[in-house]
Amino acid sequence: MKEEKKIRTQSRIVREIIETLVLTILMFVIINLAVQNYDVDGPSMEPSLHDKERIMVDKVSYHLHDPSRGDVIVFIAPPDPQLNYVKRIIGVPGDVITIQGTVVKINNTILQERYVSPSYQGNPYLPIVNKMVPNGSYFVMGDDRKNSSDSRLWGFVPRQNIIGRATLVYWPLNESNSGFLPDVSSVFAHVTGKAATASSLSSNNALKDSTFGTGELAFFAMPGFLLVCSRYRKKR
């Protein structure tokens, strides 16, 4: 009897070890499919993102909805596919872009861009007048307008180049911009056009801390849910 009990105990321990390993691997796969770490290289997104910071990129959101004006995205650089860039979406498909000096207009609406600091304001490029963003493409700019290689220089970002949305600055700690990137949809709330409705709906939440939606949160919570279910089953 004691020998049988010992065998059952050993069998249970082995089974729990295997279940834990499988669950750990599953969690690792899910997390790696959902998010990606990215090292900021250069000053083009100052003061929103600093050089050498580490950010978390959400790779799930854009499978659930289209990219929006104001989103900070990481993408394969059109001028050099060996590089990844991080910039802010200014124009979505169907938008008409005009940039003269430091004045940016979307569909004839001047943007009051509170994420652009006066000390980083500028425009070393030629004016853009009434340029339409084609279907399946996005117009992006760095928040450091004086030191950013972006759509003003090399054109639009194809949808398939977008890796994901930058959501969180997690390293180094205690920086002025640590934590979730702020929602800036209120900047685009008065822009008419294809994405105006979505922007207006989210403008009331312009000061919220997180850029995650319900769908994204559910996806990221999945590993924890699996872990809880596993422990609950063992207790029974």
Protein backbone atom coordinates (compact mmCIF):
# COMPACT_ATOMS: atom_id res chain seq x y z
CA MET A 1 0.00 0.00 0.00
CA LYS A 2 2.76 2.40 0.90
CA GLU A 3 4.58 1.54 -2.31
CA GLU A 4 1.46 2.25 -4.40
CA LYS A 5 0.93 5.56 -2.61
CA LYS A 6 4.56 6.48 -3.25
CA ILE A 7 4.17 5.66 -6.97
CA ARG A 8 0.98 7.73 -7.19
CA THR A 9 2.69 10.64 -5.47
CA GLN A 10 5.66 10.46 -7.81
CA SER A 11 3.32 10.21 -10.80
CA ARG A 12 1.39 13.29 -9.66
CA ILE A 13 4.61 15.28 -9.17
CA VAL A 14 5.85 14.32 -12.64
CA ARG A 15 2.47 15.25 -14.16
CA GLU A 16 2.45 18.63 -12.41
CA ILE A 17 6.01 19.33 -13.56
CA ILE A 18 5.04 18.51 -17.15
CA GLU A 19 1.89 20.66 -16.91
CA THR A 20 3.92 23.55 -15.49
CA LEU A 21 6.48 23.28 -18.30
CA VAL A 22 3.79 23.15 -20.98
CA LEU A 23 1.97 26.13 -19.45
CA THR A 24 5.23 28.08 -19.19
CA ILE A 25 6.02 27.43 -22.85
CA LEU A 26 2.47 28.38 -23.85
CA MET A 27 2.68 31.62 -21.88
CA PHE A 28 6.06 32.40 -23.46
CA VAL A 29 4.66 31.85 -26.98
CA ILE A 30 1.56 33.96 -26.32
CA ILE A 31 3.54 36.81 -24.80
CA ASN A 32 6.03 36.82 -27.67
CA LEU A 33 3.21 36.83 -30.21
CA ALA A 34 1.50 39.70 -28.39
CA VAL A 35 4.36 42.05 -27.52
CA GLN A 36 7.85 42.96 -28.60
CA ASN A 37 10.58 44.95 -26.91
CA TYR A 38 12.12 47.82 -28.85
CA ASP A 39 15.15 49.99 -28.12
CA VAL A 40 14.67 53.62 -29.12
CA ASP A 41 17.61 54.74 -31.24
CA GLY A 42 17.98 58.47 -31.73
CA PRO A 43 16.12 61.65 -30.75
CA SER A 44 13.37 61.69 -33.38
CA MET A 45 10.54 61.18 -30.86
CA GLU A 46 11.70 63.62 -28.19
CA PRO A 47 10.30 64.50 -25.73
CA SER A 48 7.78 61.63 -25.89
CA LEU A 49 10.50 58.98 -26.18
CA HIS A 50 14.16 59.38 -25.27
CA ASP A 51 17.20 57.88 -26.94
CA LYS A 52 18.17 54.44 -25.54
CA GLU A 53 14.84 53.91 -23.80
CA ARG A 54 13.17 50.53 -23.95
CA ILE A 55 9.52 50.36 -24.95
CA MET A 56 6.90 47.64 -25.21
CA VAL A 57 5.21 47.26 -28.58
CA ASP A 58 1.68 45.86 -28.76
CA LYS A 59 1.44 43.59 -31.82
CA VAL A 60 -2.19 42.55 -31.25
CA SER A 61 -4.25 45.75 -31.46
CA TYR A 62 -4.03 46.23 -35.19
CA HIS A 63 -5.43 42.76 -35.79
CA LEU A 64 -8.56 44.03 -34.05
CA HIS A 65 -8.80 47.55 -35.47
CA ASP A 66 -7.03 49.91 -37.86
CA PRO A 67 -4.19 52.21 -36.77
CA SER A 68 -5.40 55.63 -35.65
CA ARG A 69 -4.13 59.18 -35.87
CA GLY A 70 -1.88 59.92 -32.92
CA ASP A 71 -0.72 56.35 -32.39
CA VAL A 72 3.03 55.89 -31.92
CA ILE A 73 4.04 52.93 -34.07
CA VAL A 74 7.10 50.81 -34.75
CA PHE A 75 7.49 49.82 -38.39
CA ILE A 76 9.91 48.55 -41.01
CA ALA A 77 11.52 51.67 -42.44
CA PRO A 78 10.55 52.21 -46.10
CA PRO A 79 13.91 53.85 -46.93
CA ASP A 80 15.83 50.95 -45.34
CA PRO A 81 14.02 47.64 -44.69
CA GLN A 82 16.91 46.55 -42.45
CA LEU A 83 15.86 49.14 -39.88
CA ASN A 84 12.82 49.67 -37.67
CA TYR A 85 11.58 53.22 -37.05
CA VAL A 86 9.31 54.61 -34.35
CA LYS A 87 7.09 57.58 -35.30
CA ARG A 88 3.62 59.00 -34.72
CA ILE A 89 0.75 58.52 -37.16
CA ILE A 90 -0.48 61.88 -38.42
CA GLY A 91 -2.53 60.88 -41.43
CA VAL A 92 -4.59 57.77 -42.21
CA PRO A 93 -5.85 56.53 -45.60
CA GLY A 94 -7.94 59.20 -47.32
CA ASP A 95 -6.54 62.13 -45.33
CA VAL A 96 -5.22 65.17 -47.19
CA ILE A 97 -1.95 66.46 -45.73
CA THR A 98 -0.60 70.00 -45.91
CA ILE A 99 2.60 70.99 -44.09
CA GLN A 100 3.98 74.49 -44.51
CA GLY A 101 6.73 75.40 -42.09
CA THR A 102 5.61 74.14 -38.68
CA VAL A 103 1.89 74.26 -39.49
CA VAL A 104 0.36 70.83 -40.04
CA LYS A 105 -3.10 70.51 -41.59
CA ILE A 106 -5.19 67.37 -41.91
CA ASN A 107 -8.20 67.74 -44.20
CA ASN A 108 -7.81 71.51 -43.92
CA THR A 109 -7.84 71.40 -40.10
CA ILE A 110 -4.78 72.83 -38.33
CA LEU A 111 -3.47 70.51 -35.64
CA GLN A 112 -2.65 71.85 -32.19
CA GLU A 113 0.00 69.25 -31.44
CA ARG A 114 0.57 69.30 -27.68
CA TYR A 115 2.99 66.37 -27.93
CA VAL A 116 5.44 68.55 -29.93
CA SER A 117 7.60 70.66 -27.62
CA PRO A 118 8.48 74.18 -28.85
CA SER A 119 12.17 73.38 -28.39
CA TYR A 120 11.85 70.50 -30.87
CA GLN A 121 9.63 72.32 -33.35
CA GLY A 122 10.91 72.89 -36.87
CA ASN A 123 10.79 71.62 -40.45
CA PRO A 124 13.92 71.10 -42.57
CA TYR A 125 11.90 69.73 -45.50
CA LEU A 126 10.06 71.19 -48.48
CA PRO A 127 6.39 72.12 -48.05
CA ILE A 128 3.71 69.50 -48.68
CA VAL A 129 0.46 70.78 -50.15
CA ASN A 130 -2.73 68.73 -50.39
CA LYS A 131 -1.09 65.33 -50.55
CA MET A 132 -3.59 62.51 -50.11
CA VAL A 133 -2.69 59.45 -48.06
CA PRO A 134 -3.33 56.44 -50.33
CA ASN A 135 -5.34 53.41 -49.31
CA GLY A 136 -3.35 51.01 -47.15
CA SER A 137 -0.75 53.63 -46.19
CA TYR A 138 -0.04 56.05 -43.33
CA PHE A 139 1.69 59.41 -42.98
CA VAL A 140 4.01 59.52 -39.97
CA MET A 141 6.18 62.13 -38.29
CA GLY A 142 8.58 62.24 -35.37
CA ASP A 143 7.71 64.47 -32.42
CA ASP A 144 11.16 66.07 -32.77
CA ARG A 145 10.28 67.86 -35.98
CA LYS A 146 13.78 69.25 -36.47
CA ASN A 147 15.55 65.87 -36.28
CA SER A 148 13.25 63.25 -37.75
CA SER A 149 13.50 61.28 -40.97
CA ASP A 150 9.83 60.65 -41.68
CA SER A 151 7.04 60.86 -44.25
CA ARG A 152 7.97 64.45 -45.06
CA LEU A 153 11.15 63.05 -46.61
CA TRP A 154 10.51 59.53 -47.88
CA GLY A 155 6.72 59.24 -48.13
CA PHE A 156 4.12 56.91 -46.70
CA VAL A 157 4.31 53.80 -44.52
CA PRO A 158 2.57 50.76 -46.06
CA ARG A 159 0.18 48.99 -43.69
CA GLN A 160 2.14 45.74 -43.98
CA ASN A 161 5.27 47.49 -42.65
CA ILE A 162 3.68 48.25 -39.28
CA ILE A 163 4.95 45.95 -36.52
CA GLY A 164 2.79 47.33 -33.75
CA ARG A 165 1.85 50.18 -31.46
CA ALA A 166 4.23 51.53 -28.82
CA THR A 167 2.36 51.43 -25.53
CA LEU A 168 4.75 51.48 -22.60
CA VAL A 169 8.13 52.94 -21.62
CA TYR A 170 9.57 50.52 -19.07
CA TRP A 171 13.30 51.29 -18.95
CA PRO A 172 15.05 53.16 -17.48
CA LEU A 173 12.87 53.72 -14.44
CA ASN A 174 11.93 57.12 -13.03
CA GLU A 175 12.21 58.98 -16.32
CA SER A 176 9.81 61.86 -17.01
CA ASN A 177 7.91 59.74 -19.52
CA SER A 178 7.94 56.33 -17.80
CA GLY A 179 4.79 54.24 -18.05
CA PHE A 180 2.01 54.12 -20.62
CA LEU A 181 2.13 56.54 -23.53
CA PRO A 182 -0.70 59.08 -23.23
CA ASP A 183 -3.73 59.06 -25.48
CA VAL A 184 -3.55 62.14 -27.75
CA SER A 185 -6.73 61.50 -29.76
CA SER A 186 -8.16 64.87 -28.64
CA VAL A 187 -5.60 66.55 -30.94
CA PHE A 188 -7.39 64.97 -33.89
CA ALA A 189 -10.94 65.13 -32.55
CA HIS A 190 -11.98 67.97 -34.88
CA VAL A 191 -10.43 66.52 -38.01
CA THR A 192 -13.12 65.54 -40.47
CA GLY A 193 -12.73 62.54 -42.72
CA LYS A 194 -12.60 58.76 -42.63
CA ALA A 195 -11.32 58.34 -39.08
CA ALA A 196 -13.06 61.35 -37.52
CA THR A 197 -15.78 59.30 -35.82
CA ALA A 198 -13.31 57.01 -34.07
CA SER A 199 -11.18 59.96 -32.98
CA SER A 200 -14.18 61.85 -31.63
CA LEU A 201 -15.40 58.84 -29.68
CA SER A 202 -12.07 58.50 -27.91
CA SER A 203 -11.44 62.21 -27.36
CA ASN A 204 -13.33 62.19 -24.05
CA ASN A 205 -10.68 59.83 -22.72
CA ALA A 206 -7.74 61.95 -23.81
CA LEU A 207 -6.15 61.89 -20.35
CA LYS A 208 -6.38 58.18 -19.72
CA ASP A 209 -3.09 56.51 -18.83
CA SER A 210 -3.38 53.37 -20.93
CA THR A 211 -3.70 52.98 -24.68
CA PHE A 212 -4.98 49.40 -24.39
CA GLY A 213 -8.54 48.49 -25.34
CA THR A 214 -10.72 45.70 -23.97
CA GLY A 215 -9.71 43.23 -26.66
CA GLU A 216 -6.00 43.78 -26.13
CA LEU A 217 -6.33 43.49 -22.34
CA ALA A 218 -8.18 40.20 -22.73
CA PHE A 219 -5.40 38.85 -24.92
CA PHE A 220 -2.64 39.89 -22.52
CA ALA A 221 -4.62 38.45 -19.58
CA MET A 222 -4.82 35.03 -21.22
CA PRO A 223 -1.59 33.61 -19.70
CA GLY A 224 -2.72 34.60 -16.21
CA PHE A 225 -6.14 33.07 -16.85
CA LEU A 226 -4.55 29.79 -17.92
CA LEU A 227 -2.36 29.79 -14.82
CA VAL A 228 -5.32 30.39 -12.49
CA CYS A 229 -7.32 27.62 -14.17
CA SER A 230 -4.41 25.23 -13.81
CA ARG A 231 -4.02 25.96 -10.09
CA TYR A 232 -7.76 25.71 -9.51
CA ARG A 233 -7.86 22.29 -11.14
CA LYS A 234 -4.96 21.09 -8.96
CA LYS A 235 -6.71 22.22 -5.78
CA ARG A 236 -9.77 20.22 -6.70
